[in-house]
Amino acid sequence: MKKVKLYIASSLDGFIAGPNGEIDWLPETPGEDYGYSEFIDGIDTTLMGGETYRFVAGLDEFPYKDKRNIVFTRRKEIPKSEYVEFAQGDIAEQVRKLKAGEGKDIWLIGGGQIITPLHDAGLIDIYEIAIIPVVLGAGLPLFTGSASKRKLNLIDSKTYSSGLVMLKYSI
């Protein structure tokens, strides 16, 4: 069975982006990818919400062309892409079906609008959260609304010279 893996960066105060979606606070350390290359090699599907997709679609080049990319959105007016499937309806049910399929694991890219319902449904198997040593004070939270209480088990942690701490948890 495939695993759903949340792989995301968060400020020390729990935000995944600034108030206007900005991510200029993320570190760019030459020669360091914080384990991303190894992570992405084990993925064949990405999941993201509409706001995250709009950000990704605005990049110079779509970064996940070799993956199956599913965007969950309620909005009708959203940039189309040959690399993306759009989904609506019960997110948890659709993700259960994806997990039952064959292949590599599933990357839950974000944002909080789909992270929280998948967390609440117990469908996130691995939480890999890069804690960035910055306090934003406001922004888009990792979890929206009131996420359900869930005890996680620390699998691994790694500290980088930039001050970033990568935490890896399982349910």
C-alpha atoms as a PDB file:
ATOM      1  CA  MET A   1       0.000   0.000   0.000  1.00  0.00           C
ATOM      2  CA  LYS A   2       1.235   3.475  -0.876  1.00  0.00           C
ATOM      3  CA  LYS A   3       1.980   5.956   1.898  1.00  0.00           C
ATOM      4  CA  VAL A   4       0.903   9.580   2.010  1.00  0.00           C
ATOM      5  CA  LYS A   5       3.857  11.727   3.040  1.00  0.00           C
ATOM      6  CA  LEU A   6       3.564  15.331   4.102  1.00  0.00           C
ATOM      7  CA  TYR A   7       6.897  16.953   3.211  1.00  0.00           C
ATOM      8  CA  ILE A   8       6.775  20.643   3.996  1.00  0.00           C
ATOM      9  CA  ALA A   9       8.618  23.579   5.535  1.00  0.00           C
ATOM     10  CA  SER A  10       7.227  25.512   8.468  1.00  0.00           C
ATOM     11  CA  SER A  11       8.340  28.581  10.344  1.00  0.00           C
ATOM     12  CA  LEU A  12       9.075  28.132  14.027  1.00  0.00           C
ATOM     13  CA  ASP A  13       5.625  29.574  14.773  1.00  0.00           C
ATOM     14  CA  GLY A  14       3.807  27.111  12.487  1.00  0.00           C
ATOM     15  CA  PHE A  15       3.289  28.971   9.210  1.00  0.00           C
ATOM     16  CA  ILE A  16       3.956  27.425   5.786  1.00  0.00           C
ATOM     17  CA  ALA A  17       3.831  30.775   3.975  1.00  0.00           C
ATOM     18  CA  GLY A  18       3.624  34.443   4.837  1.00  0.00           C
ATOM     19  CA  PRO A  19       0.343  36.398   4.925  1.00  0.00           C
ATOM     20  CA  ASN A  20       0.356  36.850   1.133  1.00  0.00           C
ATOM     21  CA  GLY A  21       1.653  33.369   0.331  1.00  0.00           C
ATOM     22  CA  GLU A  22       5.286  34.477   0.248  1.00  0.00           C
ATOM     23  CA  ILE A  23       8.018  31.932   0.887  1.00  0.00           C
ATOM     24  CA  ASP A  24      11.024  34.238   0.644  1.00  0.00           C
ATOM     25  CA  TRP A  25      11.943  33.191   4.191  1.00  0.00           C
ATOM     26  CA  LEU A  26      12.894  29.664   3.092  1.00  0.00           C
ATOM     27  CA  PRO A  27      16.662  29.075   3.177  1.00  0.00           C
ATOM     28  CA  GLU A  28      18.616  28.544  -0.021  1.00  0.00           C
ATOM     29  CA  THR A  29      21.869  26.899   0.915  1.00  0.00           C
ATOM     30  CA  PRO A  30      24.101  26.141  -2.099  1.00  0.00           C
ATOM     31  CA  GLY A  31      24.794  22.418  -2.393  1.00  0.00           C
ATOM     32  CA  GLU A  32      22.190  21.441   0.230  1.00  0.00           C
ATOM     33  CA  ASP A  33      18.784  20.043  -0.675  1.00  0.00           C
ATOM     34  CA  TYR A  34      17.777  18.951   2.846  1.00  0.00           C
ATOM     35  CA  GLY A  35      17.007  15.396   1.714  1.00  0.00           C
ATOM     36  CA  TYR A  36      14.660  16.472  -1.080  1.00  0.00           C
ATOM     37  CA  SER A  37      16.348  14.423  -3.856  1.00  0.00           C
ATOM     38  CA  GLU A  38      16.056  11.196  -1.890  1.00  0.00           C
ATOM     39  CA  PHE A  39      12.472  12.025  -0.910  1.00  0.00           C
ATOM     40  CA  ILE A  40      11.257  12.869  -4.433  1.00  0.00           C
ATOM     41  CA  ASP A  41      12.768   9.649  -5.867  1.00  0.00           C
ATOM     42  CA  GLY A  42      10.281   7.658  -3.776  1.00  0.00           C
ATOM     43  CA  ILE A  43       7.232   9.595  -5.018  1.00  0.00           C
ATOM     44  CA  ASP A  44       5.080   9.064  -8.109  1.00  0.00           C
ATOM     45  CA  THR A  45       2.021  11.152  -7.171  1.00  0.00           C
ATOM     46  CA  THR A  46       1.565  14.641  -5.740  1.00  0.00           C
ATOM     47  CA  LEU A  47      -1.472  16.119  -4.022  1.00  0.00           C
ATOM     48  CA  MET A  48      -2.030  19.824  -3.598  1.00  0.00           C
ATOM     49  CA  GLY A  49      -4.749  22.342  -2.980  1.00  0.00           C
ATOM     50  CA  GLY A  50      -5.731  25.114  -5.341  1.00  0.00           C
ATOM     51  CA  GLU A  51      -3.657  27.870  -3.721  1.00  0.00           C
ATOM     52  CA  THR A  52      -0.528  25.717  -3.707  1.00  0.00           C
ATOM     53  CA  TYR A  53      -1.157  24.768  -7.328  1.00  0.00           C
ATOM     54  CA  ARG A  54      -1.531  28.424  -8.345  1.00  0.00           C
ATOM     55  CA  PHE A  55       1.890  29.094  -6.839  1.00  0.00           C
ATOM     56  CA  VAL A  56       3.460  26.060  -8.570  1.00  0.00           C
ATOM     57  CA  ALA A  57       1.773  26.921 -11.887  1.00  0.00           C
ATOM     58  CA  GLY A  58       3.341  30.383 -11.681  1.00  0.00           C
ATOM     59  CA  LEU A  59       6.887  29.004 -11.676  1.00  0.00           C
ATOM     60  CA  ASP A  60       8.968  29.281 -14.843  1.00  0.00           C
ATOM     61  CA  GLU A  61       8.651  25.533 -15.406  1.00  0.00           C
ATOM     62  CA  PHE A  62       6.287  22.993 -13.855  1.00  0.00           C
ATOM     63  CA  PRO A  63       8.543  21.013 -11.471  1.00  0.00           C
ATOM     64  CA  TYR A  64       6.694  17.684 -11.267  1.00  0.00           C
ATOM     65  CA  LYS A  65       6.231  16.727 -14.921  1.00  0.00           C
ATOM     66  CA  ASP A  66       7.230  13.112 -14.276  1.00  0.00           C
ATOM     67  CA  LYS A  67       4.607  12.635 -11.534  1.00  0.00           C
ATOM     68  CA  ARG A  68       0.859  12.196 -11.443  1.00  0.00           C
ATOM     69  CA  ASN A  69      -0.335  15.525 -10.032  1.00  0.00           C
ATOM     70  CA  ILE A  70      -3.763  15.890  -8.461  1.00  0.00           C
ATOM     71  CA  VAL A  71      -5.140  19.287  -7.456  1.00  0.00           C
ATOM     72  CA  PHE A  72      -8.098  19.470  -5.085  1.00  0.00           C
ATOM     73  CA  THR A  73     -10.009  22.698  -5.575  1.00  0.00           C
ATOM     74  CA  ARG A  74     -13.521  24.059  -5.348  1.00  0.00           C
ATOM     75  CA  ARG A  75     -12.788  26.877  -7.773  1.00  0.00           C
ATOM     76  CA  LYS A  76     -13.740  26.679 -11.426  1.00  0.00           C
ATOM     77  CA  GLU A  77     -11.334  29.360 -12.640  1.00  0.00           C
ATOM     78  CA  ILE A  78      -7.877  27.943 -12.189  1.00  0.00           C
ATOM     79  CA  PRO A  79      -4.947  27.730 -14.630  1.00  0.00           C
ATOM     80  CA  LYS A  80      -5.092  24.476 -16.585  1.00  0.00           C
ATOM     81  CA  SER A  81      -2.025  22.330 -17.196  1.00  0.00           C
ATOM     82  CA  GLU A  82      -1.312  19.177 -19.157  1.00  0.00           C
ATOM     83  CA  TYR A  83       0.529  17.877 -16.081  1.00  0.00           C
ATOM     84  CA  VAL A  84      -2.397  18.136 -13.654  1.00  0.00           C
ATOM     85  CA  GLU A  85      -5.685  16.385 -12.886  1.00  0.00           C
ATOM     86  CA  PHE A  86      -8.316  18.395 -11.019  1.00  0.00           C
ATOM     87  CA  ALA A  87     -10.428  16.719  -8.359  1.00  0.00           C
ATOM     88  CA  GLN A  88     -13.420  17.747  -6.318  1.00  0.00           C
ATOM     89  CA  GLY A  89     -15.561  16.030  -3.749  1.00  0.00           C
ATOM     90  CA  ASP A  90     -14.558  13.883  -0.800  1.00  0.00           C
ATOM     91  CA  ILE A  91     -10.781  14.305  -0.495  1.00  0.00           C
ATOM     92  CA  ALA A  92     -10.403  11.513   2.065  1.00  0.00           C
ATOM     93  CA  GLU A  93     -12.234   8.947  -0.060  1.00  0.00           C
ATOM     94  CA  GLN A  94     -10.187   9.793  -3.152  1.00  0.00           C
ATOM     95  CA  VAL A  95      -6.927   9.558  -1.219  1.00  0.00           C
ATOM     96  CA  ARG A  96      -7.931   6.181   0.244  1.00  0.00           C
ATOM     97  CA  LYS A  97      -8.320   4.902  -3.326  1.00  0.00           C
ATOM     98  CA  LEU A  98      -4.942   6.342  -4.336  1.00  0.00           C
ATOM     99  CA  LYS A  99      -3.241   4.696  -1.358  1.00  0.00           C
ATOM    100  CA  ALA A 100      -4.681   1.311  -2.356  1.00  0.00           C
ATOM    101  CA  GLY A 101      -3.085   1.576  -5.806  1.00  0.00           C
ATOM    102  CA  GLU A 102       0.257   0.316  -7.023  1.00  0.00           C
ATOM    103  CA  GLY A 103       3.427   2.339  -7.292  1.00  0.00           C
ATOM    104  CA  LYS A 104       5.531   4.696  -5.252  1.00  0.00           C
ATOM    105  CA  ASP A 105       4.369   6.911  -2.404  1.00  0.00           C
ATOM    106  CA  ILE A 106       2.229  10.052  -2.518  1.00  0.00           C
ATOM    107  CA  TRP A 107       3.542  13.523  -1.656  1.00  0.00           C
ATOM    108  CA  LEU A 108       1.062  15.777   0.080  1.00  0.00           C
ATOM    109  CA  ILE A 109       2.573  19.118  -0.936  1.00  0.00           C
ATOM    110  CA  GLY A 110       0.004  21.356   0.751  1.00  0.00           C
ATOM    111  CA  GLY A 111      -1.586  23.599   1.678  1.00  0.00           C
ATOM    112  CA  GLY A 112      -3.412  23.672   4.937  1.00  0.00           C
ATOM    113  CA  GLN A 113      -6.828  23.344   3.307  1.00  0.00           C
ATOM    114  CA  ILE A 114      -6.071  19.742   2.311  1.00  0.00           C
ATOM    115  CA  ILE A 115      -3.510  18.899   4.995  1.00  0.00           C
ATOM    116  CA  THR A 116      -6.039  19.288   7.808  1.00  0.00           C
ATOM    117  CA  PRO A 117      -8.807  17.035   6.419  1.00  0.00           C
ATOM    118  CA  LEU A 118      -6.298  14.324   5.491  1.00  0.00           C
ATOM    119  CA  HIS A 119      -4.732  14.573   8.959  1.00  0.00           C
ATOM    120  CA  ASP A 120      -8.175  14.396  10.571  1.00  0.00           C
ATOM    121  CA  ALA A 121      -9.008  11.292   8.498  1.00  0.00           C
ATOM    122  CA  GLY A 122      -5.769   9.599   9.611  1.00  0.00           C
ATOM    123  CA  LEU A 123      -4.527   9.377   6.025  1.00  0.00           C
ATOM    124  CA  ILE A 124      -1.111  11.004   6.436  1.00  0.00           C
ATOM    125  CA  ASP A 125       1.368   8.221   7.154  1.00  0.00           C
ATOM    126  CA  ILE A 126       4.570  10.252   7.395  1.00  0.00           C
ATOM    127  CA  TYR A 127       5.024  13.873   8.477  1.00  0.00           C
ATOM    128  CA  GLU A 128       8.371  15.323   7.334  1.00  0.00           C
ATOM    129  CA  ILE A 129       8.478  18.897   8.526  1.00  0.00           C
ATOM    130  CA  ALA A 130      11.438  21.199   8.030  1.00  0.00           C
ATOM    131  CA  ILE A 131      11.386  23.725  10.864  1.00  0.00           C
ATOM    132  CA  ILE A 132      12.945  26.950   9.625  1.00  0.00           C
ATOM    133  CA  PRO A 133      14.481  29.167  12.330  1.00  0.00           C
ATOM    134  CA  VAL A 134      12.306  32.192  11.630  1.00  0.00           C
ATOM    135  CA  VAL A 135       9.228  33.620  13.338  1.00  0.00           C
ATOM    136  CA  LEU A 136       6.768  35.058  10.805  1.00  0.00           C
ATOM    137  CA  GLY A 137       4.144  36.271  13.267  1.00  0.00           C
ATOM    138  CA  ALA A 138       1.357  35.744  10.726  1.00  0.00           C
ATOM    139  CA  GLY A 139       0.700  33.772   7.579  1.00  0.00           C
ATOM    140  CA  LEU A 140      -0.812  30.577   6.255  1.00  0.00           C
ATOM    141  CA  PRO A 141      -0.829  27.946   9.028  1.00  0.00           C
ATOM    142  CA  LEU A 142       0.323  24.363   8.610  1.00  0.00           C
ATOM    143  CA  PHE A 143      -3.071  23.222   9.892  1.00  0.00           C
ATOM    144  CA  THR A 144      -6.243  25.216   9.276  1.00  0.00           C
ATOM    145  CA  GLY A 145      -9.112  25.451  11.721  1.00  0.00           C
ATOM    146  CA  SER A 146      -8.894  22.942  14.519  1.00  0.00           C
ATOM    147  CA  ALA A 147      -6.995  19.828  13.504  1.00  0.00           C
ATOM    148  CA  SER A 148      -7.823  16.707  15.471  1.00  0.00           C
ATOM    149  CA  LYS A 149      -5.482  15.635  18.231  1.00  0.00           C
ATOM    150  CA  ARG A 150      -3.106  12.892  17.099  1.00  0.00           C
ATOM    151  CA  LYS A 151       0.007  11.514  18.776  1.00  0.00           C
ATOM    152  CA  LEU A 152       2.923  11.111  16.395  1.00  0.00           C
ATOM    153  CA  ASN A 153       6.055   9.000  16.767  1.00  0.00           C
ATOM    154  CA  LEU A 154       9.430  10.550  16.026  1.00  0.00           C
ATOM    155  CA  ILE A 155      11.255   8.444  13.423  1.00  0.00           C
ATOM    156  CA  ASP A 156      14.201  10.720  12.717  1.00  0.00           C
ATOM    157  CA  SER A 157      15.539  14.221  13.154  1.00  0.00           C
ATOM    158  CA  LYS A 158      18.394  15.999  11.468  1.00  0.00           C
ATOM    159  CA  THR A 159      19.908  19.410  12.113  1.00  0.00           C
ATOM    160  CA  TYR A 160      21.560  21.385   9.313  1.00  0.00           C
ATOM    161  CA  SER A 161      24.172  24.146   9.496  1.00  0.00           C
ATOM    162  CA  SER A 162      21.560  26.684   8.336  1.00  0.00           C
ATOM    163  CA  GLY A 163      19.665  26.038  11.583  1.00  0.00           C
ATOM    164  CA  LEU A 164      16.937  24.105   9.781  1.00  0.00           C
ATOM    165  CA  VAL A 165      15.752  21.032  11.685  1.00  0.00           C
ATOM    166  CA  MET A 166      14.101  18.229   9.705  1.00  0.00           C
ATOM    167  CA  LEU A 167      11.645  16.249  11.820  1.00  0.00           C
ATOM    168  CA  LYS A 168      10.174  12.974  10.590  1.00  0.00           C
ATOM    169  CA  TYR A 169       7.148  11.443  12.313  1.00  0.00           C
ATOM    170  CA  SER A 170       4.831   8.509  11.692  1.00  0.00           C
ATOM    171  CA  ILE A 171       1.312   7.963  13.004  1.00  0.00           C
END
